[in-house]
């Protein structure tokens, strides 16, 4: 088996502006965090066996799309997705996921739990939603073993277009058991 290596770079910048009402002094704070995830082929800590990048997925305002993270059902339009690493067949854990609400979107992309078999990896409970405005990317990673588990009862992530049509792109780095 050939050694595969992927590297994910993520730089997160945040700027907080706070004005003290009593003194009128404005405080600016800038924080920057860089994270690099280097993985080799495998099924343990710091490894992955699959990398899948979806094609742009259009969702009309007010509609939802339930993406099965195991079978990849509903992920991508047209011919679906690009297999970057190896062909998915038995995804068991998500090591990293990146979801982008493209700049061409008019509405917000809401990520939440599906009604059936909800995947709550980064949600506290099924009522939580993560809102991505247009031109926004969400990324979370966990190279530990186990990473974000996928099971028959916990595997479906719901995408909802709120306030206008959206176009989303998803990249999943995963491994089998």
C-alpha atoms as a PDB file:
ATOM      1  CA  UNK A   1       0.000   0.000   0.000  1.00  0.00           C
ATOM      2  CA  UNK A   2       1.378   3.400  -0.949  1.00  0.00           C
ATOM      3  CA  UNK A   3       1.834   5.972   1.759  1.00  0.00           C
ATOM      4  CA  UNK A   4      -0.606   8.848   1.379  1.00  0.00           C
ATOM      5  CA  UNK A   5      -0.130  12.080   3.206  1.00  0.00           C
ATOM      6  CA  UNK A   6      -2.442  15.032   3.354  1.00  0.00           C
ATOM      7  CA  UNK A   7      -1.989  18.310   5.093  1.00  0.00           C
ATOM      8  CA  UNK A   8      -4.757  20.705   6.026  1.00  0.00           C
ATOM      9  CA  UNK A   9      -3.846  24.289   6.776  1.00  0.00           C
ATOM     10  CA  UNK A  10      -6.213  26.500   8.688  1.00  0.00           C
ATOM     11  CA  UNK A  11      -5.554  30.018   9.881  1.00  0.00           C
ATOM     12  CA  UNK A  12      -8.185  31.538  12.107  1.00  0.00           C
ATOM     13  CA  UNK A  13      -8.174  35.269  12.730  1.00  0.00           C
ATOM     14  CA  UNK A  14     -10.524  37.076  15.057  1.00  0.00           C
ATOM     15  CA  UNK A  15     -10.762  40.741  15.928  1.00  0.00           C
ATOM     16  CA  UNK A  16     -12.667  41.921  18.945  1.00  0.00           C
ATOM     17  CA  UNK A  17     -13.553  45.576  19.447  1.00  0.00           C
ATOM     18  CA  UNK A  18     -14.820  46.664  22.822  1.00  0.00           C
ATOM     19  CA  UNK A  19     -15.661  50.199  23.875  1.00  0.00           C
ATOM     20  CA  UNK A  20     -15.688  50.880  27.617  1.00  0.00           C
ATOM     21  CA  UNK A  21     -18.837  52.936  28.182  1.00  0.00           C
ATOM     22  CA  UNK A  22     -17.527  54.525  31.402  1.00  0.00           C
ATOM     23  CA  UNK A  23     -14.213  55.764  29.994  1.00  0.00           C
ATOM     24  CA  UNK A  24     -14.961  55.937  26.292  1.00  0.00           C
ATOM     25  CA  UNK A  25     -11.736  53.988  25.613  1.00  0.00           C
ATOM     26  CA  UNK A  26     -11.868  51.583  22.706  1.00  0.00           C
ATOM     27  CA  UNK A  27      -9.841  48.393  22.999  1.00  0.00           C
ATOM     28  CA  UNK A  28      -8.873  46.361  19.936  1.00  0.00           C
ATOM     29  CA  UNK A  29      -7.626  42.818  20.297  1.00  0.00           C
ATOM     30  CA  UNK A  30      -6.474  40.621  17.445  1.00  0.00           C
ATOM     31  CA  UNK A  31      -5.927  36.902  17.886  1.00  0.00           C
ATOM     32  CA  UNK A  32      -4.507  34.569  15.284  1.00  0.00           C
ATOM     33  CA  UNK A  33      -4.337  30.808  15.473  1.00  0.00           C
ATOM     34  CA  UNK A  34      -2.724  28.542  12.913  1.00  0.00           C
ATOM     35  CA  UNK A  35      -3.456  24.858  12.847  1.00  0.00           C
ATOM     36  CA  UNK A  36      -1.885  22.252  10.622  1.00  0.00           C
ATOM     37  CA  UNK A  37      -3.250  18.733  10.474  1.00  0.00           C
ATOM     38  CA  UNK A  38      -0.735  16.311   8.974  1.00  0.00           C
ATOM     39  CA  UNK A  39      -2.129  12.828   8.411  1.00  0.00           C
ATOM     40  CA  UNK A  40      -0.867   9.607   6.906  1.00  0.00           C
ATOM     41  CA  UNK A  41      -2.910   6.714   5.527  1.00  0.00           C
ATOM     42  CA  UNK A  42      -4.475   4.565   8.244  1.00  0.00           C
ATOM     43  CA  UNK A  43      -7.182   4.115  10.841  1.00  0.00           C
ATOM     44  CA  UNK A  44      -5.563   5.299  14.096  1.00  0.00           C
ATOM     45  CA  UNK A  45      -4.426   8.599  15.643  1.00  0.00           C
ATOM     46  CA  UNK A  46      -3.202  11.186  13.087  1.00  0.00           C
ATOM     47  CA  UNK A  47      -4.331   9.092  10.131  1.00  0.00           C
ATOM     48  CA  UNK A  48      -7.100   9.106   7.556  1.00  0.00           C
ATOM     49  CA  UNK A  49      -8.153   6.733   4.820  1.00  0.00           C
ATOM     50  CA  UNK A  50     -10.585   8.898   2.830  1.00  0.00           C
ATOM     51  CA  UNK A  51     -10.764  12.464   1.560  1.00  0.00           C
ATOM     52  CA  UNK A  52     -13.918  13.558  -0.243  1.00  0.00           C
ATOM     53  CA  UNK A  53     -14.620  17.005  -1.702  1.00  0.00           C
ATOM     54  CA  UNK A  54     -18.134  17.738  -2.858  1.00  0.00           C
ATOM     55  CA  UNK A  55     -19.036  19.598  -5.983  1.00  0.00           C
ATOM     56  CA  UNK A  56     -20.930  22.840  -5.372  1.00  0.00           C
ATOM     57  CA  UNK A  57     -24.318  22.004  -3.937  1.00  0.00           C
ATOM     58  CA  UNK A  58     -27.149  24.467  -4.606  1.00  0.00           C
ATOM     59  CA  UNK A  59     -30.015  24.597  -2.116  1.00  0.00           C
ATOM     60  CA  UNK A  60     -33.051  26.818  -2.705  1.00  0.00           C
ATOM     61  CA  UNK A  61     -34.208  29.175   0.027  1.00  0.00           C
ATOM     62  CA  UNK A  62     -36.279  27.447   2.697  1.00  0.00           C
ATOM     63  CA  UNK A  63     -35.222  23.954   1.601  1.00  0.00           C
ATOM     64  CA  UNK A  64     -33.160  21.393   3.468  1.00  0.00           C
ATOM     65  CA  UNK A  65     -30.717  18.742   2.383  1.00  0.00           C
ATOM     66  CA  UNK A  66     -29.883  15.770   4.604  1.00  0.00           C
ATOM     67  CA  UNK A  67     -26.330  14.536   3.939  1.00  0.00           C
ATOM     68  CA  UNK A  68     -25.566  10.985   5.026  1.00  0.00           C
ATOM     69  CA  UNK A  69     -21.953  11.112   6.186  1.00  0.00           C
ATOM     70  CA  UNK A  70     -21.485   7.342   5.721  1.00  0.00           C
ATOM     71  CA  UNK A  71     -22.968   6.750   2.258  1.00  0.00           C
ATOM     72  CA  UNK A  72     -22.390  10.371   1.118  1.00  0.00           C
ATOM     73  CA  UNK A  73     -25.987  10.458  -0.156  1.00  0.00           C
ATOM     74  CA  UNK A  74     -27.020  13.973  -1.263  1.00  0.00           C
ATOM     75  CA  UNK A  75     -23.451  15.279  -1.134  1.00  0.00           C
ATOM     76  CA  UNK A  76     -22.877  17.357  -4.243  1.00  0.00           C
ATOM     77  CA  UNK A  77     -24.787  17.960  -7.442  1.00  0.00           C
ATOM     78  CA  UNK A  78     -24.205  16.537 -10.884  1.00  0.00           C
ATOM     79  CA  UNK A  79     -21.666  13.746 -10.531  1.00  0.00           C
ATOM     80  CA  UNK A  80     -21.500  14.318  -6.778  1.00  0.00           C
ATOM     81  CA  UNK A  81     -18.015  14.514  -5.396  1.00  0.00           C
ATOM     82  CA  UNK A  82     -14.311  14.070  -6.083  1.00  0.00           C
ATOM     83  CA  UNK A  83     -12.497  11.234  -4.365  1.00  0.00           C
ATOM     84  CA  UNK A  84      -9.199  12.795  -3.403  1.00  0.00           C
ATOM     85  CA  UNK A  85      -7.719  10.021  -1.262  1.00  0.00           C
ATOM     86  CA  UNK A  86      -9.368   6.626  -1.714  1.00  0.00           C
ATOM     87  CA  UNK A  87     -12.847   5.443  -2.580  1.00  0.00           C
ATOM     88  CA  UNK A  88     -15.212   5.644   0.401  1.00  0.00           C
ATOM     89  CA  UNK A  89     -16.959   2.421   1.292  1.00  0.00           C
ATOM     90  CA  UNK A  90     -17.159   2.145   5.040  1.00  0.00           C
ATOM     91  CA  UNK A  91     -16.626   5.527   6.674  1.00  0.00           C
ATOM     92  CA  UNK A  92     -16.616   5.178  10.468  1.00  0.00           C
ATOM     93  CA  UNK A  93     -15.074   8.426  11.753  1.00  0.00           C
ATOM     94  CA  UNK A  94     -14.731  11.984  10.498  1.00  0.00           C
ATOM     95  CA  UNK A  95     -11.249  13.325  11.222  1.00  0.00           C
ATOM     96  CA  UNK A  96     -11.938  16.786   9.771  1.00  0.00           C
ATOM     97  CA  UNK A  97     -14.764  18.513   7.957  1.00  0.00           C
ATOM     98  CA  UNK A  98     -14.833  21.845   6.158  1.00  0.00           C
ATOM     99  CA  UNK A  99     -18.091  23.363   4.961  1.00  0.00           C
ATOM    100  CA  UNK A 100     -18.251  26.600   2.969  1.00  0.00           C
ATOM    101  CA  UNK A 101     -21.256  28.774   2.218  1.00  0.00           C
ATOM    102  CA  UNK A 102     -19.941  30.175  -1.063  1.00  0.00           C
ATOM    103  CA  UNK A 103     -19.651  33.912  -1.807  1.00  0.00           C
ATOM    104  CA  UNK A 104     -22.343  33.558  -4.489  1.00  0.00           C
ATOM    105  CA  UNK A 105     -24.906  32.584  -1.840  1.00  0.00           C
ATOM    106  CA  UNK A 106     -27.685  35.012  -0.963  1.00  0.00           C
ATOM    107  CA  UNK A 107     -28.873  33.315   2.228  1.00  0.00           C
ATOM    108  CA  UNK A 108     -27.353  31.733   5.281  1.00  0.00           C
ATOM    109  CA  UNK A 109     -26.419  28.061   5.468  1.00  0.00           C
ATOM    110  CA  UNK A 110     -27.692  26.495   8.687  1.00  0.00           C
ATOM    111  CA  UNK A 111     -26.021  23.253   9.765  1.00  0.00           C
ATOM    112  CA  UNK A 112     -27.966  21.121  12.181  1.00  0.00           C
ATOM    113  CA  UNK A 113     -29.192  17.694  13.089  1.00  0.00           C
ATOM    114  CA  UNK A 114     -31.411  15.773  10.695  1.00  0.00           C
ATOM    115  CA  UNK A 115     -34.717  14.442  12.005  1.00  0.00           C
ATOM    116  CA  UNK A 116     -33.608  10.830  11.487  1.00  0.00           C
ATOM    117  CA  UNK A 117     -30.156   9.544  12.515  1.00  0.00           C
ATOM    118  CA  UNK A 118     -28.798  13.012  13.464  1.00  0.00           C
ATOM    119  CA  UNK A 119     -25.016  13.503  13.485  1.00  0.00           C
ATOM    120  CA  UNK A 120     -24.200  15.675  16.513  1.00  0.00           C
ATOM    121  CA  UNK A 121     -20.397  15.716  16.252  1.00  0.00           C
ATOM    122  CA  UNK A 122     -20.028  19.464  16.825  1.00  0.00           C
ATOM    123  CA  UNK A 123     -23.527  20.191  18.153  1.00  0.00           C
ATOM    124  CA  UNK A 124     -24.552  19.957  21.806  1.00  0.00           C
ATOM    125  CA  UNK A 125     -27.986  18.596  20.974  1.00  0.00           C
ATOM    126  CA  UNK A 126     -30.413  18.127  18.082  1.00  0.00           C
ATOM    127  CA  UNK A 127     -31.898  21.620  18.469  1.00  0.00           C
ATOM    128  CA  UNK A 128     -28.562  23.409  17.893  1.00  0.00           C
ATOM    129  CA  UNK A 129     -27.686  25.054  14.572  1.00  0.00           C
ATOM    130  CA  UNK A 130     -24.486  26.518  13.245  1.00  0.00           C
ATOM    131  CA  UNK A 131     -25.155  29.476  10.920  1.00  0.00           C
ATOM    132  CA  UNK A 132     -22.751  30.266   8.080  1.00  0.00           C
ATOM    133  CA  UNK A 133     -23.288  33.593   6.324  1.00  0.00           C
ATOM    134  CA  UNK A 134     -22.364  33.893   2.638  1.00  0.00           C
ATOM    135  CA  UNK A 135     -18.605  33.613   2.010  1.00  0.00           C
ATOM    136  CA  UNK A 136     -18.048  31.825   5.332  1.00  0.00           C
ATOM    137  CA  UNK A 137     -16.172  28.591   6.018  1.00  0.00           C
ATOM    138  CA  UNK A 138     -16.521  26.308   9.040  1.00  0.00           C
ATOM    139  CA  UNK A 139     -13.793  23.774   9.811  1.00  0.00           C
ATOM    140  CA  UNK A 140     -13.376  21.368  12.688  1.00  0.00           C
ATOM    141  CA  UNK A 141     -10.798  18.638  13.126  1.00  0.00           C
ATOM    142  CA  UNK A 142     -10.110  15.805  15.550  1.00  0.00           C
ATOM    143  CA  UNK A 143      -7.175  13.534  14.624  1.00  0.00           C
ATOM    144  CA  UNK A 144      -7.666  11.495  17.818  1.00  0.00           C
ATOM    145  CA  UNK A 145      -8.853   7.914  17.819  1.00  0.00           C
ATOM    146  CA  UNK A 146     -11.762   7.780  17.963  1.00  0.00           C
ATOM    147  CA  UNK A 147     -12.478  10.965  16.023  1.00  0.00           C
ATOM    148  CA  UNK A 148     -16.084  12.109  15.316  1.00  0.00           C
ATOM    149  CA  UNK A 149     -17.879   8.770  15.181  1.00  0.00           C
ATOM    150  CA  UNK A 150     -20.383   7.807  12.504  1.00  0.00           C
ATOM    151  CA  UNK A 151     -22.914   5.112  13.369  1.00  0.00           C
ATOM    152  CA  UNK A 152     -26.243   3.914  12.023  1.00  0.00           C
ATOM    153  CA  UNK A 153     -28.015   6.155  14.531  1.00  0.00           C
ATOM    154  CA  UNK A 154     -25.697   9.148  14.221  1.00  0.00           C
ATOM    155  CA  UNK A 155     -24.652   9.956  10.661  1.00  0.00           C
ATOM    156  CA  UNK A 156     -26.896  12.574   8.980  1.00  0.00           C
ATOM    157  CA  UNK A 157     -26.101  16.308   8.890  1.00  0.00           C
ATOM    158  CA  UNK A 158     -28.844  18.711   7.752  1.00  0.00           C
ATOM    159  CA  UNK A 159     -28.065  21.682   5.505  1.00  0.00           C
ATOM    160  CA  UNK A 160     -30.772  24.395   5.417  1.00  0.00           C
ATOM    161  CA  UNK A 161     -30.876  27.464   3.139  1.00  0.00           C
ATOM    162  CA  UNK A 162     -32.298  30.332   5.200  1.00  0.00           C
ATOM    163  CA  UNK A 163     -33.141  33.771   3.827  1.00  0.00           C
ATOM    164  CA  UNK A 164     -32.118  33.044   0.233  1.00  0.00           C
ATOM    165  CA  UNK A 165     -30.580  30.476  -2.085  1.00  0.00           C
ATOM    166  CA  UNK A 166     -27.180  29.095  -1.099  1.00  0.00           C
ATOM    167  CA  UNK A 167     -24.330  27.141  -2.638  1.00  0.00           C
ATOM    168  CA  UNK A 168     -22.270  24.941  -0.324  1.00  0.00           C
ATOM    169  CA  UNK A 169     -19.059  22.976  -0.724  1.00  0.00           C
ATOM    170  CA  UNK A 170     -18.016  20.270   1.724  1.00  0.00           C
ATOM    171  CA  UNK A 171     -14.690  18.522   2.271  1.00  0.00           C
ATOM    172  CA  UNK A 172     -14.585  15.457   4.509  1.00  0.00           C
ATOM    173  CA  UNK A 173     -11.452  13.732   5.748  1.00  0.00           C
ATOM    174  CA  UNK A 174     -12.434  10.431   7.302  1.00  0.00           C
ATOM    175  CA  UNK A 175     -11.293   6.937   8.127  1.00  0.00           C
ATOM    176  CA  UNK A 176     -12.799   3.521   8.408  1.00  0.00           C
ATOM    177  CA  UNK A 177     -12.719   1.594  11.693  1.00  0.00           C
END
